[in-house]
Amino acid sequence: MSVVYEVERKVTKIGNSLGVTFPSELLKKIEVAQGDTVIIDIRGDEIILRKSRKVELPSGISPDFFDILQETMNEYDETIKGLRDR
């Protein structure tokens, strides 16, 4: 992996935690904005930060919605394909 953007920052105290701030330009490169959720991977002595692609369900939608949807799609697969090909 080649380094495209490198910046040096100091670790600072934020409340009872330690943190690192990121320049806006750096976060724009990975399409992260204030309020977004990120995933932090640790690989050896490296920390990898990436935007979470997890879809948050609207209120009122059950957490098992996609499981039920997948079961329904599997059950009616031929019917759905027939409608699509009409």
Protein backbone atom coordinates (compact mmCIF):
# COMPACT_ATOMS: atom_id res chain seq x y z
CA MET A 1 0.00 0.00 0.00
CA SER A 2 1.53 3.34 -0.98
CA VAL A 3 1.13 6.44 1.17
CA VAL A 4 -1.08 8.97 -0.56
CA TYR A 5 -1.50 11.42 2.30
CA GLU A 6 0.63 11.64 5.43
CA VAL A 7 0.26 14.05 8.33
CA GLU A 8 1.84 14.12 11.78
CA ARG A 9 -0.40 14.86 14.78
CA LYS A 10 0.02 14.87 18.56
CA VAL A 11 -2.04 12.66 20.83
CA THR A 12 -4.11 14.90 23.09
CA LYS A 13 -6.33 14.42 26.12
CA ILE A 14 -10.06 14.59 25.36
CA GLY A 15 -12.09 14.18 28.56
CA ASN A 16 -10.98 10.90 30.14
CA SER A 17 -9.65 9.60 26.82
CA LEU A 18 -6.77 10.26 24.47
CA GLY A 19 -7.45 11.35 20.92
CA VAL A 20 -6.02 12.50 17.63
CA THR A 21 -7.59 15.20 15.47
CA PHE A 22 -7.67 14.92 11.70
CA PRO A 23 -7.50 17.74 9.16
CA SER A 24 -10.73 18.14 7.19
CA GLU A 25 -8.90 17.60 3.88
CA LEU A 26 -7.71 14.19 5.05
CA LEU A 27 -11.20 13.06 6.09
CA LYS A 28 -12.71 14.34 2.83
CA LYS A 29 -10.42 11.92 0.98
CA ILE A 30 -12.22 9.00 2.62
CA GLU A 31 -15.60 10.76 2.52
CA VAL A 32 -15.92 11.06 6.31
CA ALA A 33 -17.76 14.04 7.79
CA GLN A 34 -18.75 15.12 11.28
CA GLY A 35 -21.27 12.69 12.74
CA ASP A 36 -20.26 9.75 10.53
CA THR A 37 -19.33 6.43 12.10
CA VAL A 38 -15.86 5.06 11.39
CA ILE A 39 -14.22 1.67 11.81
CA ILE A 40 -10.78 1.49 13.36
CA ASP A 41 -8.63 -1.55 12.52
CA ILE A 42 -5.32 -2.26 14.22
CA ARG A 43 -2.83 -4.22 12.13
CA GLY A 44 0.49 -4.66 13.83
CA ASP A 45 1.69 -1.17 14.71
CA GLU A 46 -0.67 0.56 12.26
CA ILE A 47 -4.12 2.00 12.81
CA ILE A 48 -6.43 1.97 9.79
CA LEU A 49 -9.42 4.31 9.79
CA ARG A 50 -12.28 3.81 7.33
CA LYS A 51 -15.84 4.98 6.98
CA SER A 52 -18.47 2.54 8.21
CA ARG A 53 -20.80 1.35 5.47
CA LYS A 54 -23.30 -0.07 7.96
CA VAL A 55 -26.86 0.90 7.08
CA GLU A 56 -28.84 2.27 10.00
CA LEU A 57 -32.47 1.24 9.94
CA PRO A 58 -35.16 3.90 10.29
CA SER A 59 -37.08 3.84 13.55
CA GLY A 60 -39.85 1.25 13.57
CA ILE A 61 -37.93 -1.24 11.40
CA SER A 62 -37.10 -4.50 13.19
CA PRO A 63 -33.41 -5.53 13.34
CA ASP A 64 -34.33 -8.84 11.67
CA PHE A 65 -35.94 -7.03 8.69
CA PHE A 66 -33.18 -8.01 6.24
CA ASP A 67 -33.23 -11.65 7.39
CA ILE A 68 -36.98 -11.84 6.77
CA LEU A 69 -36.60 -10.03 3.45
CA GLN A 70 -33.89 -12.49 2.33
CA GLU A 71 -36.04 -15.47 3.32
CA THR A 72 -38.98 -14.03 1.36
CA MET A 73 -36.78 -13.32 -1.67
CA ASN A 74 -35.47 -16.90 -1.60
CA GLU A 75 -38.98 -18.34 -1.25
CA TYR A 76 -40.43 -16.31 -4.11
CA ASP A 77 -37.32 -16.11 -6.31
CA GLU A 78 -38.91 -17.73 -9.40
CA THR A 79 -42.06 -15.60 -9.09
CA ILE A 80 -40.02 -12.41 -8.82
CA LYS A 81 -37.88 -13.38 -11.84
CA GLY A 82 -41.07 -14.11 -13.81
CA LEU A 83 -42.46 -10.64 -13.00
CA ARG A 84 -39.17 -9.00 -13.91
CA ASP A 85 -39.00 -10.76 -17.28
CA ARG A 86 -42.58 -9.87 -18.30
